[in-house]
Amino acid sequence: MTVTRGLFLGGGVALVLAIALWWHATRVVPLVWQGYAEADYVKVGPVGEGQLTRLFVERGHQVTVGAPLFDQDDTAEIAALAQAHSAEDQARAQLRDLELPAKPEEIEAARANLADATATLIRIRRDLGRDLALVAKGFSTRQRVDQEEADLRSAEAREASLEAALSIQQNPSGREAAIMARRHAVAMATAETTQAAWRLAQRHVVSPADAVVADIVARPGETLAAGGTVVSLLPPGNIFIRFFVAEKALAGIHLGDRVRLTCDSCDPNLYGTISFVSPAAEYTPPVIYSDESREKLVTMIEARPPKAQAVKLNPGEPVQVSPP
């Protein structure tokens, strides 16, 4: 009887163990991937080399689009802009001078020159006519007539030239080529002024987005190279979740899919949208520890939560990712 009871008890224990092993083998383990919050920082620096003269923000400050971040020394840029304005004003004045008729005094002088040339021409014609008649009678020489004929042609050319000059001074339409050239000079001077104004504006750097100041890299007094970082910004839309998925689960993940995000500071029902799936597999990063993820090779995936929720996440914070 004692042996029978022992066998019965031993069989019962074995049955319980068998049921436990079966349940453990057949239970559905929730699919969860371990990840962490990451961010794309906006590194703001100067366009040109120069000394940093003023800093308007500190780490942790909230800034809006267009808020001042820092200034550089702008002495050279102010002088260059003033020079460009002067050159542009000069070019415009020269253009106006070409487009307007000449001054009354200049027109009167041109008329006087033309009248003098006309009087000279009349005198030469009269002398030539008289000497031609005298040559026929033998009272003048052919050489004198030839000289007067040459003088006549010269006087006619001078009169025509002065008539054209007077016409141009009275009406600028005869100076189209000169006016067009001057207009091009004005356009070039305007472009140089615009460029000088842009270079001056770049010495006073403002925030390109609503963001948190994540870091300050340079301080007033430092001379900065073009492209060097002064302020590192973190816009809320630049926070995302990075996690790693084993190959066997990769087929069910696509760009645009939604995933559920869970963390200590996350709101309930927080979801993210998959924005990137790495084209290449890699070894499991050492910062990821998970009993469910034992594979050697995994694929990096990124998901972005809504901006209103992303601001509550801190880069480096652990986040659990699961299917919706």
C-alpha atoms as a PDB file:
ATOM      1  CA  MET A   1       0.000   0.000   0.000  1.00  0.00           C
ATOM      2  CA  THR A   2       2.879   2.335   0.796  1.00  0.00           C
ATOM      3  CA  VAL A   3       4.594   1.520  -2.479  1.00  0.00           C
ATOM      4  CA  THR A   4       1.415   2.188  -4.396  1.00  0.00           C
ATOM      5  CA  ARG A   5       0.971   5.573  -2.701  1.00  0.00           C
ATOM      6  CA  GLY A   6       4.580   6.478  -3.525  1.00  0.00           C
ATOM      7  CA  LEU A   7       4.122   5.562  -7.153  1.00  0.00           C
ATOM      8  CA  PHE A   8       0.942   7.575  -7.305  1.00  0.00           C
ATOM      9  CA  LEU A   9       2.593  10.631  -5.802  1.00  0.00           C
ATOM     10  CA  GLY A  10       5.615  10.277  -8.048  1.00  0.00           C
ATOM     11  CA  GLY A  11       3.376  10.037 -11.116  1.00  0.00           C
ATOM     12  CA  GLY A  12       1.460  13.130 -10.055  1.00  0.00           C
ATOM     13  CA  VAL A  13       4.617  15.174  -9.730  1.00  0.00           C
ATOM     14  CA  ALA A  14       5.780  14.002 -13.144  1.00  0.00           C
ATOM     15  CA  LEU A  15       2.431  14.971 -14.636  1.00  0.00           C
ATOM     16  CA  VAL A  16       2.597  18.448 -13.124  1.00  0.00           C
ATOM     17  CA  LEU A  17       6.127  18.916 -14.464  1.00  0.00           C
ATOM     18  CA  ALA A  18       5.058  17.727 -17.890  1.00  0.00           C
ATOM     19  CA  ILE A  19       2.140  20.173 -17.967  1.00  0.00           C
ATOM     20  CA  ALA A  20       4.429  23.004 -16.865  1.00  0.00           C
ATOM     21  CA  LEU A  21       6.960  22.194 -19.560  1.00  0.00           C
ATOM     22  CA  TRP A  22       4.201  21.995 -22.197  1.00  0.00           C
ATOM     23  CA  TRP A  23       2.752  25.349 -21.130  1.00  0.00           C
ATOM     24  CA  HIS A  24       6.164  26.968 -21.184  1.00  0.00           C
ATOM     25  CA  ALA A  25       6.886  25.584 -24.650  1.00  0.00           C
ATOM     26  CA  THR A  26       3.531  26.568 -26.121  1.00  0.00           C
ATOM     27  CA  ARG A  27       2.884  29.915 -24.443  1.00  0.00           C
ATOM     28  CA  VAL A  28       2.875  32.983 -26.693  1.00  0.00           C
ATOM     29  CA  VAL A  29       5.659  35.349 -25.661  1.00  0.00           C
ATOM     30  CA  PRO A  30       4.816  38.978 -26.454  1.00  0.00           C
ATOM     31  CA  LEU A  31       7.037  40.350 -29.221  1.00  0.00           C
ATOM     32  CA  VAL A  32       9.036  43.232 -27.790  1.00  0.00           C
ATOM     33  CA  TRP A  33      12.170  44.904 -29.133  1.00  0.00           C
ATOM     34  CA  GLN A  34      14.506  46.851 -26.932  1.00  0.00           C
ATOM     35  CA  GLY A  35      15.469  50.301 -28.190  1.00  0.00           C
ATOM     36  CA  TYR A  36      16.379  53.788 -27.076  1.00  0.00           C
ATOM     37  CA  ALA A  37      15.602  57.395 -27.893  1.00  0.00           C
ATOM     38  CA  GLU A  38      17.992  59.138 -30.273  1.00  0.00           C
ATOM     39  CA  ALA A  39      18.104  62.595 -31.864  1.00  0.00           C
ATOM     40  CA  ASP A  40      19.266  64.451 -34.956  1.00  0.00           C
ATOM     41  CA  TYR A  41      20.945  67.568 -33.622  1.00  0.00           C
ATOM     42  CA  VAL A  42      21.051  70.767 -35.647  1.00  0.00           C
ATOM     43  CA  LYS A  43      24.566  72.156 -35.382  1.00  0.00           C
ATOM     44  CA  VAL A  44      24.520  75.896 -36.042  1.00  0.00           C
ATOM     45  CA  GLY A  45      27.730  77.696 -36.960  1.00  0.00           C
ATOM     46  CA  PRO A  46      29.003  80.720 -38.880  1.00  0.00           C
ATOM     47  CA  VAL A  47      29.073  80.942 -42.663  1.00  0.00           C
ATOM     48  CA  GLY A  48      32.388  82.811 -42.639  1.00  0.00           C
ATOM     49  CA  GLU A  49      35.437  82.980 -40.436  1.00  0.00           C
ATOM     50  CA  GLY A  50      35.411  85.562 -37.662  1.00  0.00           C
ATOM     51  CA  GLN A  51      35.493  86.261 -33.960  1.00  0.00           C
ATOM     52  CA  LEU A  52      32.496  85.351 -31.793  1.00  0.00           C
ATOM     53  CA  THR A  53      31.448  88.525 -30.010  1.00  0.00           C
ATOM     54  CA  ARG A  54      28.160  87.704 -28.318  1.00  0.00           C
ATOM     55  CA  LEU A  55      26.130  84.666 -27.253  1.00  0.00           C
ATOM     56  CA  PHE A  56      22.403  85.007 -26.582  1.00  0.00           C
ATOM     57  CA  VAL A  57      21.515  81.502 -25.309  1.00  0.00           C
ATOM     58  CA  GLU A  58      22.669  78.879 -22.835  1.00  0.00           C
ATOM     59  CA  ARG A  59      22.178  75.130 -22.540  1.00  0.00           C
ATOM     60  CA  GLY A  60      18.578  74.178 -21.861  1.00  0.00           C
ATOM     61  CA  HIS A  61      17.074  77.380 -23.269  1.00  0.00           C
ATOM     62  CA  GLN A  62      13.971  77.109 -25.416  1.00  0.00           C
ATOM     63  CA  VAL A  63      14.313  79.096 -28.648  1.00  0.00           C
ATOM     64  CA  THR A  64      11.890  79.856 -31.451  1.00  0.00           C
ATOM     65  CA  VAL A  65      12.451  80.318 -35.165  1.00  0.00           C
ATOM     66  CA  GLY A  66      14.325  83.554 -35.790  1.00  0.00           C
ATOM     67  CA  ALA A  67      15.497  84.005 -32.205  1.00  0.00           C
ATOM     68  CA  PRO A  68      19.096  85.357 -32.011  1.00  0.00           C
ATOM     69  CA  LEU A  69      21.748  82.764 -31.165  1.00  0.00           C
ATOM     70  CA  PHE A  70      25.115  84.524 -31.518  1.00  0.00           C
ATOM     71  CA  ASP A  71      26.953  87.405 -33.212  1.00  0.00           C
ATOM     72  CA  GLN A  72      30.322  87.650 -34.938  1.00  0.00           C
ATOM     73  CA  ASP A  73      32.486  90.728 -35.449  1.00  0.00           C
ATOM     74  CA  ASP A  74      30.945  92.590 -38.418  1.00  0.00           C
ATOM     75  CA  THR A  75      33.250  95.615 -38.850  1.00  0.00           C
ATOM     76  CA  ALA A  76      34.510  94.561 -42.272  1.00  0.00           C
ATOM     77  CA  GLU A  77      31.024  93.612 -43.475  1.00  0.00           C
ATOM     78  CA  ILE A  78      29.552  97.000 -42.459  1.00  0.00           C
ATOM     79  CA  ALA A  79      32.304  98.802 -44.392  1.00  0.00           C
ATOM     80  CA  ALA A  80      31.834  96.543 -47.417  1.00  0.00           C
ATOM     81  CA  LEU A  81      28.084  97.221 -47.453  1.00  0.00           C
ATOM     82  CA  ALA A  82      28.641 101.001 -47.279  1.00  0.00           C
ATOM     83  CA  GLN A  83      31.096 100.773 -50.177  1.00  0.00           C
ATOM     84  CA  ALA A  84      28.641  98.713 -52.216  1.00  0.00           C
ATOM     85  CA  HIS A  85      25.863 101.250 -51.585  1.00  0.00           C
ATOM     86  CA  SER A  86      28.136 104.083 -52.769  1.00  0.00           C
ATOM     87  CA  ALA A  87      29.085 102.214 -55.941  1.00  0.00           C
ATOM     88  CA  GLU A  88      25.422 101.496 -56.668  1.00  0.00           C
ATOM     89  CA  ASP A  89      24.432 105.152 -56.133  1.00  0.00           C
ATOM     90  CA  GLN A  90      27.202 106.270 -58.478  1.00  0.00           C
ATOM     91  CA  ALA A  91      26.109 103.843 -61.183  1.00  0.00           C
ATOM     92  CA  ARG A  92      22.490 104.974 -60.905  1.00  0.00           C
ATOM     93  CA  ALA A  93      23.508 108.643 -61.119  1.00  0.00           C
ATOM     94  CA  GLN A  94      25.518 107.979 -64.275  1.00  0.00           C
ATOM     95  CA  LEU A  95      22.565 106.153 -65.784  1.00  0.00           C
ATOM     96  CA  ARG A  96      20.219 109.057 -65.029  1.00  0.00           C
ATOM     97  CA  ASP A  97      22.706 111.434 -66.607  1.00  0.00           C
ATOM     98  CA  LEU A  98      22.668 109.393 -69.821  1.00  0.00           C
ATOM     99  CA  GLU A  99      18.881 109.007 -69.892  1.00  0.00           C
ATOM    100  CA  LEU A 100      18.178 112.744 -69.510  1.00  0.00           C
ATOM    101  CA  PRO A 101      18.781 115.387 -72.203  1.00  0.00           C
ATOM    102  CA  ALA A 102      21.904 117.527 -71.838  1.00  0.00           C
ATOM    103  CA  LYS A 103      21.870 120.679 -69.712  1.00  0.00           C
ATOM    104  CA  PRO A 104      20.644 123.876 -71.423  1.00  0.00           C
ATOM    105  CA  GLU A 105      24.149 125.365 -71.259  1.00  0.00           C
ATOM    106  CA  GLU A 106      25.614 122.284 -72.987  1.00  0.00           C
ATOM    107  CA  ILE A 107      22.947 122.392 -75.696  1.00  0.00           C
ATOM    108  CA  GLU A 108      23.614 126.113 -76.326  1.00  0.00           C
ATOM    109  CA  ALA A 109      27.334 125.430 -76.625  1.00  0.00           C
ATOM    110  CA  ALA A 110      26.651 122.655 -79.131  1.00  0.00           C
ATOM    111  CA  ARG A 111      24.429 124.972 -81.169  1.00  0.00           C
ATOM    112  CA  ALA A 112      27.156 127.624 -81.190  1.00  0.00           C
ATOM    113  CA  ASN A 113      29.716 125.086 -82.403  1.00  0.00           C
ATOM    114  CA  LEU A 114      27.344 123.962 -85.134  1.00  0.00           C
ATOM    115  CA  ALA A 115      26.699 127.577 -86.208  1.00  0.00           C
ATOM    116  CA  ASP A 116      30.417 128.239 -86.409  1.00  0.00           C
ATOM    117  CA  ALA A 117      30.928 125.115 -88.524  1.00  0.00           C
ATOM    118  CA  THR A 118      28.060 126.136 -90.815  1.00  0.00           C
ATOM    119  CA  ALA A 119      29.525 129.634 -91.269  1.00  0.00           C
ATOM    120  CA  THR A 120      32.912 128.147 -92.111  1.00  0.00           C
ATOM    121  CA  LEU A 121      31.309 125.812 -94.615  1.00  0.00           C
ATOM    122  CA  ILE A 122      29.473 128.707 -96.307  1.00  0.00           C
ATOM    123  CA  ARG A 123      32.675 130.705 -96.560  1.00  0.00           C
ATOM    124  CA  ILE A 124      34.616 127.790 -98.076  1.00  0.00           C
ATOM    125  CA  ARG A 125      31.878 127.147-100.615  1.00  0.00           C
ATOM    126  CA  ARG A 126      31.853 130.813-101.615  1.00  0.00           C
ATOM    127  CA  ASP A 127      35.634 130.949-101.945  1.00  0.00           C
ATOM    128  CA  LEU A 128      35.673 127.735-103.942  1.00  0.00           C
ATOM    129  CA  GLY A 129      33.046 129.026-106.358  1.00  0.00           C
ATOM    130  CA  ARG A 130      34.927 132.275-106.893  1.00  0.00           C
ATOM    131  CA  ASP A 131      38.276 130.535-107.443  1.00  0.00           C
ATOM    132  CA  LEU A 132      36.774 128.085-109.916  1.00  0.00           C
ATOM    133  CA  ALA A 133      35.683 131.046-112.023  1.00  0.00           C
ATOM    134  CA  LEU A 134      39.123 132.681-111.672  1.00  0.00           C
ATOM    135  CA  VAL A 135      40.893 129.453-112.725  1.00  0.00           C
ATOM    136  CA  ALA A 136      38.914 129.451-115.956  1.00  0.00           C
ATOM    137  CA  LYS A 137      40.125 132.990-116.626  1.00  0.00           C
ATOM    138  CA  GLY A 138      43.699 132.231-115.533  1.00  0.00           C
ATOM    139  CA  PHE A 139      43.620 134.448-112.431  1.00  0.00           C
ATOM    140  CA  SER A 140      43.899 131.562-109.875  1.00  0.00           C
ATOM    141  CA  THR A 141      45.767 128.265-109.613  1.00  0.00           C
ATOM    142  CA  ARG A 142      44.499 124.730-109.668  1.00  0.00           C
ATOM    143  CA  GLN A 143      46.384 123.963-106.461  1.00  0.00           C
ATOM    144  CA  ARG A 144      44.374 126.590-104.598  1.00  0.00           C
ATOM    145  CA  VAL A 145      41.131 125.133-105.898  1.00  0.00           C
ATOM    146  CA  ASP A 146      42.181 121.617-104.851  1.00  0.00           C
ATOM    147  CA  GLN A 147      42.957 122.848-101.336  1.00  0.00           C
ATOM    148  CA  GLU A 148      39.600 124.590-101.088  1.00  0.00           C
ATOM    149  CA  GLU A 149      37.800 121.459-102.255  1.00  0.00           C
ATOM    150  CA  ALA A 150      39.560 119.497 -99.517  1.00  0.00           C
ATOM    151  CA  ASP A 151      38.656 122.159 -96.962  1.00  0.00           C
ATOM    152  CA  LEU A 152      35.047 121.939 -98.142  1.00  0.00           C
ATOM    153  CA  ARG A 153      34.841 118.206 -97.529  1.00  0.00           C
ATOM    154  CA  SER A 154      36.350 118.629 -94.072  1.00  0.00           C
ATOM    155  CA  ALA A 155      33.909 121.433 -93.210  1.00  0.00           C
ATOM    156  CA  GLU A 156      30.945 119.352 -94.397  1.00  0.00           C
ATOM    157  CA  ALA A 157      32.050 116.433 -92.237  1.00  0.00           C
ATOM    158  CA  ARG A 158      32.505 118.679 -89.197  1.00  0.00           C
ATOM    159  CA  GLU A 159      29.059 120.198 -89.640  1.00  0.00           C
ATOM    160  CA  ALA A 160      27.467 116.735 -89.885  1.00  0.00           C
ATOM    161  CA  SER A 161      29.293 115.620 -86.734  1.00  0.00           C
ATOM    162  CA  LEU A 162      28.190 118.644 -84.746  1.00  0.00           C
ATOM    163  CA  GLU A 163      24.601 118.229 -85.944  1.00  0.00           C
ATOM    164  CA  ALA A 164      24.617 114.636 -84.668  1.00  0.00           C
ATOM    165  CA  ALA A 165      26.122 115.709 -81.332  1.00  0.00           C
ATOM    166  CA  LEU A 166      23.461 118.360 -80.877  1.00  0.00           C
ATOM    167  CA  SER A 167      20.722 115.866 -81.711  1.00  0.00           C
ATOM    168  CA  ILE A 168      22.039 113.408 -79.102  1.00  0.00           C
ATOM    169  CA  GLN A 169      22.230 116.086 -76.424  1.00  0.00           C
ATOM    170  CA  GLN A 170      18.674 117.159 -77.149  1.00  0.00           C
ATOM    171  CA  ASN A 171      17.326 113.577 -77.252  1.00  0.00           C
ATOM    172  CA  PRO A 172      18.959 110.641 -75.288  1.00  0.00           C
ATOM    173  CA  SER A 173      17.368 108.064 -77.621  1.00  0.00           C
ATOM    174  CA  GLY A 174      20.489 108.275 -79.701  1.00  0.00           C
ATOM    175  CA  ARG A 175      22.579 106.796 -76.835  1.00  0.00           C
ATOM    176  CA  GLU A 176      20.950 103.372 -76.596  1.00  0.00           C
ATOM    177  CA  ALA A 177      24.214 101.431 -76.447  1.00  0.00           C
ATOM    178  CA  ALA A 178      25.725 103.641 -73.747  1.00  0.00           C
ATOM    179  CA  ILE A 179      22.494 103.564 -71.735  1.00  0.00           C
ATOM    180  CA  MET A 180      22.266  99.763 -71.982  1.00  0.00           C
ATOM    181  CA  ALA A 181      25.860  99.399 -70.812  1.00  0.00           C
ATOM    182  CA  ARG A 182      25.192 101.676 -67.866  1.00  0.00           C
ATOM    183  CA  ARG A 183      22.051  99.707 -66.954  1.00  0.00           C
ATOM    184  CA  HIS A 184      24.157  96.554 -66.810  1.00  0.00           C
ATOM    185  CA  ALA A 185      26.585  98.384 -64.527  1.00  0.00           C
ATOM    186  CA  VAL A 186      23.685  99.348 -62.237  1.00  0.00           C
ATOM    187  CA  ALA A 187      22.461  95.734 -62.125  1.00  0.00           C
ATOM    188  CA  MET A 188      25.945  94.527 -61.214  1.00  0.00           C
ATOM    189  CA  ALA A 189      26.279  97.157 -58.476  1.00  0.00           C
ATOM    190  CA  THR A 190      22.858  96.173 -57.090  1.00  0.00           C
ATOM    191  CA  ALA A 191      23.887  92.520 -56.975  1.00  0.00           C
ATOM    192  CA  GLU A 192      27.076  93.429 -55.119  1.00  0.00           C
ATOM    193  CA  THR A 193      25.037  95.423 -52.605  1.00  0.00           C
ATOM    194  CA  THR A 194      22.704  92.472 -52.062  1.00  0.00           C
ATOM    195  CA  GLN A 195      25.646  90.157 -51.544  1.00  0.00           C
ATOM    196  CA  ALA A 196      27.283  92.541 -49.072  1.00  0.00           C
ATOM    197  CA  ALA A 197      24.012  92.833 -47.125  1.00  0.00           C
ATOM    198  CA  TRP A 198      23.717  89.032 -47.013  1.00  0.00           C
ATOM    199  CA  ARG A 199      27.275  88.667 -45.690  1.00  0.00           C
ATOM    200  CA  LEU A 200      26.515  91.207 -42.973  1.00  0.00           C
ATOM    201  CA  ALA A 201      23.316  89.381 -42.008  1.00  0.00           C
ATOM    202  CA  GLN A 202      25.255  86.117 -41.643  1.00  0.00           C
ATOM    203  CA  ARG A 203      27.271  87.708 -38.847  1.00  0.00           C
ATOM    204  CA  HIS A 204      24.100  87.719 -36.726  1.00  0.00           C
ATOM    205  CA  VAL A 205      22.917  84.093 -36.576  1.00  0.00           C
ATOM    206  CA  VAL A 206      19.351  83.175 -35.597  1.00  0.00           C
ATOM    207  CA  SER A 207      17.666  79.890 -34.808  1.00  0.00           C
ATOM    208  CA  PRO A 208      16.445  77.932 -37.856  1.00  0.00           C
ATOM    209  CA  ALA A 209      13.734  76.122 -35.862  1.00  0.00           C
ATOM    210  CA  ASP A 210      11.840  75.884 -32.586  1.00  0.00           C
ATOM    211  CA  ALA A 211      14.226  73.886 -30.436  1.00  0.00           C
ATOM    212  CA  VAL A 212      16.010  73.303 -27.150  1.00  0.00           C
ATOM    213  CA  VAL A 213      19.631  74.399 -26.864  1.00  0.00           C
ATOM    214  CA  ALA A 214      21.370  71.066 -26.319  1.00  0.00           C
ATOM    215  CA  ASP A 215      24.942  72.331 -26.113  1.00  0.00           C
ATOM    216  CA  ILE A 216      27.178  75.389 -26.419  1.00  0.00           C
ATOM    217  CA  VAL A 217      30.437  74.613 -28.202  1.00  0.00           C
ATOM    218  CA  ALA A 218      32.108  78.045 -28.466  1.00  0.00           C
ATOM    219  CA  ARG A 219      32.243  81.160 -26.301  1.00  0.00           C
ATOM    220  CA  PRO A 220      32.695  84.899 -27.033  1.00  0.00           C
ATOM    221  CA  GLY A 221      36.269  85.790 -27.851  1.00  0.00           C
ATOM    222  CA  GLU A 222      36.963  82.648 -29.852  1.00  0.00           C
ATOM    223  CA  THR A 223      37.827  82.946 -33.541  1.00  0.00           C
ATOM    224  CA  LEU A 224      35.661  80.556 -35.510  1.00  0.00           C
ATOM    225  CA  ALA A 225      36.287  78.870 -38.820  1.00  0.00           C
ATOM    226  CA  ALA A 226      33.541  78.781 -41.420  1.00  0.00           C
ATOM    227  CA  GLY A 227      31.200  75.899 -40.693  1.00  0.00           C
ATOM    228  CA  GLY A 228      32.355  75.386 -37.116  1.00  0.00           C
ATOM    229  CA  THR A 229      29.661  74.614 -34.541  1.00  0.00           C
ATOM    230  CA  VAL A 230      28.702  77.229 -31.953  1.00  0.00           C
ATOM    231  CA  VAL A 231      25.273  76.042 -30.798  1.00  0.00           C
ATOM    232  CA  SER A 232      23.752  72.557 -30.989  1.00  0.00           C
ATOM    233  CA  LEU A 233      19.950  72.576 -31.181  1.00  0.00           C
ATOM    234  CA  LEU A 234      17.424  69.803 -30.676  1.00  0.00           C
ATOM    235  CA  PRO A 235      14.069  70.404 -32.422  1.00  0.00           C
ATOM    236  CA  PRO A 236      11.302  68.185 -31.012  1.00  0.00           C
ATOM    237  CA  GLY A 237      10.607  66.627 -34.380  1.00  0.00           C
ATOM    238  CA  ASN A 238      14.198  65.363 -34.540  1.00  0.00           C
ATOM    239  CA  ILE A 239      13.784  62.849 -31.691  1.00  0.00           C
ATOM    240  CA  PHE A 240      13.250  59.273 -32.819  1.00  0.00           C
ATOM    241  CA  ILE A 241      13.437  55.716 -31.513  1.00  0.00           C
ATOM    242  CA  ARG A 242      16.174  53.358 -32.665  1.00  0.00           C
ATOM    243  CA  PHE A 243      15.726  49.634 -32.146  1.00  0.00           C
ATOM    244  CA  PHE A 244      17.034  46.361 -33.560  1.00  0.00           C
ATOM    245  CA  VAL A 245      15.064  43.497 -35.024  1.00  0.00           C
ATOM    246  CA  ALA A 246      16.166  39.937 -35.748  1.00  0.00           C
ATOM    247  CA  GLU A 247      16.006  38.672 -39.313  1.00  0.00           C
ATOM    248  CA  LYS A 248      13.048  36.373 -38.702  1.00  0.00           C
ATOM    249  CA  ALA A 249      10.838  39.334 -37.682  1.00  0.00           C
ATOM    250  CA  LEU A 250      12.076  41.718 -40.364  1.00  0.00           C
ATOM    251  CA  ALA A 251       9.648  40.578 -43.069  1.00  0.00           C
ATOM    252  CA  GLY A 252       6.709  42.011 -41.138  1.00  0.00           C
ATOM    253  CA  ILE A 253       8.156  45.506 -40.812  1.00  0.00           C
ATOM    254  CA  HIS A 254       7.809  48.158 -43.511  1.00  0.00           C
ATOM    255  CA  LEU A 255       8.317  51.881 -43.892  1.00  0.00           C
ATOM    256  CA  GLY A 256       5.264  53.764 -42.671  1.00  0.00           C
ATOM    257  CA  ASP A 257       4.124  50.999 -40.290  1.00  0.00           C
ATOM    258  CA  ARG A 258       3.069  51.956 -36.797  1.00  0.00           C
ATOM    259  CA  VAL A 259       4.687  50.477 -33.697  1.00  0.00           C
ATOM    260  CA  ARG A 260       3.838  50.838 -30.057  1.00  0.00           C
ATOM    261  CA  LEU A 261       6.308  52.639 -27.783  1.00  0.00           C
ATOM    262  CA  THR A 262       6.561  52.008 -24.055  1.00  0.00           C
ATOM    263  CA  CYS A 263       8.804  53.682 -21.494  1.00  0.00           C
ATOM    264  CA  ASP A 264       8.636  55.114 -17.995  1.00  0.00           C
ATOM    265  CA  SER A 265       7.845  58.646 -19.234  1.00  0.00           C
ATOM    266  CA  CYS A 266       5.794  57.685 -22.279  1.00  0.00           C
ATOM    267  CA  ASP A 267       2.094  58.406 -22.435  1.00  0.00           C
ATOM    268  CA  PRO A 268      -0.225  55.426 -22.770  1.00  0.00           C
ATOM    269  CA  ASN A 269      -1.050  54.442 -26.325  1.00  0.00           C
ATOM    270  CA  LEU A 270       2.057  56.165 -27.690  1.00  0.00           C
ATOM    271  CA  TYR A 271       2.825  55.095 -31.232  1.00  0.00           C
ATOM    272  CA  GLY A 272       5.627  55.804 -33.642  1.00  0.00           C
ATOM    273  CA  THR A 273       5.917  55.528 -37.412  1.00  0.00           C
ATOM    274  CA  ILE A 274       8.776  53.561 -38.924  1.00  0.00           C
ATOM    275  CA  SER A 275      10.885  56.017 -40.921  1.00  0.00           C
ATOM    276  CA  PHE A 276      14.011  53.994 -41.699  1.00  0.00           C
ATOM    277  CA  VAL A 277      14.979  50.359 -42.145  1.00  0.00           C
ATOM    278  CA  SER A 278      18.689  49.735 -42.509  1.00  0.00           C
ATOM    279  CA  PRO A 279      19.616  47.975 -45.762  1.00  0.00           C
ATOM    280  CA  ALA A 280      22.376  46.002 -44.025  1.00  0.00           C
ATOM    281  CA  ALA A 281      22.426  43.701 -41.001  1.00  0.00           C
ATOM    282  CA  GLU A 282      24.833  44.244 -38.122  1.00  0.00           C
ATOM    283  CA  TYR A 283      25.890  42.637 -34.888  1.00  0.00           C
ATOM    284  CA  THR A 284      23.755  43.258 -31.841  1.00  0.00           C
ATOM    285  CA  PRO A 285      24.966  46.475 -30.184  1.00  0.00           C
ATOM    286  CA  PRO A 286      26.381  45.880 -26.676  1.00  0.00           C
ATOM    287  CA  VAL A 287      23.996  48.467 -25.189  1.00  0.00           C
ATOM    288  CA  ILE A 288      20.985  46.269 -25.981  1.00  0.00           C
ATOM    289  CA  TYR A 289      20.204  43.555 -23.409  1.00  0.00           C
ATOM    290  CA  SER A 290      17.196  41.357 -24.002  1.00  0.00           C
ATOM    291  CA  ASP A 291      16.330  37.782 -23.158  1.00  0.00           C
ATOM    292  CA  GLU A 292      14.234  37.590 -26.307  1.00  0.00           C
ATOM    293  CA  SER A 293      16.924  38.932 -28.687  1.00  0.00           C
ATOM    294  CA  ARG A 294      19.734  36.424 -28.758  1.00  0.00           C
ATOM    295  CA  GLU A 295      20.520  36.526 -32.457  1.00  0.00           C
ATOM    296  CA  LYS A 296      23.954  37.653 -33.509  1.00  0.00           C
ATOM    297  CA  LEU A 297      22.785  39.669 -36.517  1.00  0.00           C
ATOM    298  CA  VAL A 298      20.009  42.238 -36.344  1.00  0.00           C
ATOM    299  CA  THR A 299      18.712  45.106 -38.488  1.00  0.00           C
ATOM    300  CA  MET A 300      18.577  48.680 -37.215  1.00  0.00           C
ATOM    301  CA  ILE A 301      15.183  50.357 -37.528  1.00  0.00           C
ATOM    302  CA  GLU A 302      14.071  53.877 -36.639  1.00  0.00           C
ATOM    303  CA  ALA A 303      10.585  55.068 -35.708  1.00  0.00           C
ATOM    304  CA  ARG A 304       9.460  58.636 -35.121  1.00  0.00           C
ATOM    305  CA  PRO A 305       6.760  59.522 -32.572  1.00  0.00           C
ATOM    306  CA  PRO A 306       4.485  62.566 -32.994  1.00  0.00           C
ATOM    307  CA  LYS A 307       6.210  65.873 -32.208  1.00  0.00           C
ATOM    308  CA  ALA A 308       3.880  66.528 -29.271  1.00  0.00           C
ATOM    309  CA  GLN A 309       5.019  63.265 -27.667  1.00  0.00           C
ATOM    310  CA  ALA A 310       8.640  63.355 -28.805  1.00  0.00           C
ATOM    311  CA  VAL A 311       9.412  66.318 -26.537  1.00  0.00           C
ATOM    312  CA  LYS A 312       8.833  64.045 -23.515  1.00  0.00           C
ATOM    313  CA  LEU A 313      11.614  61.679 -24.575  1.00  0.00           C
ATOM    314  CA  ASN A 314      15.261  62.177 -23.721  1.00  0.00           C
ATOM    315  CA  PRO A 315      18.041  60.950 -26.007  1.00  0.00           C
ATOM    316  CA  GLY A 316      19.483  57.740 -24.566  1.00  0.00           C
ATOM    317  CA  GLU A 317      16.299  56.810 -22.700  1.00  0.00           C
ATOM    318  CA  PRO A 318      15.401  53.084 -23.004  1.00  0.00           C
ATOM    319  CA  VAL A 319      12.219  52.433 -24.935  1.00  0.00           C
ATOM    320  CA  GLN A 320      10.380  49.172 -25.635  1.00  0.00           C
ATOM    321  CA  VAL A 321       8.962  48.760 -29.136  1.00  0.00           C
ATOM    322  CA  SER A 322       6.260  46.284 -30.095  1.00  0.00           C
ATOM    323  CA  PRO A 323       3.742  45.737 -32.898  1.00  0.00           C
ATOM    324  CA  PRO A 324       0.520  47.772 -32.505  1.00  0.00           C
END
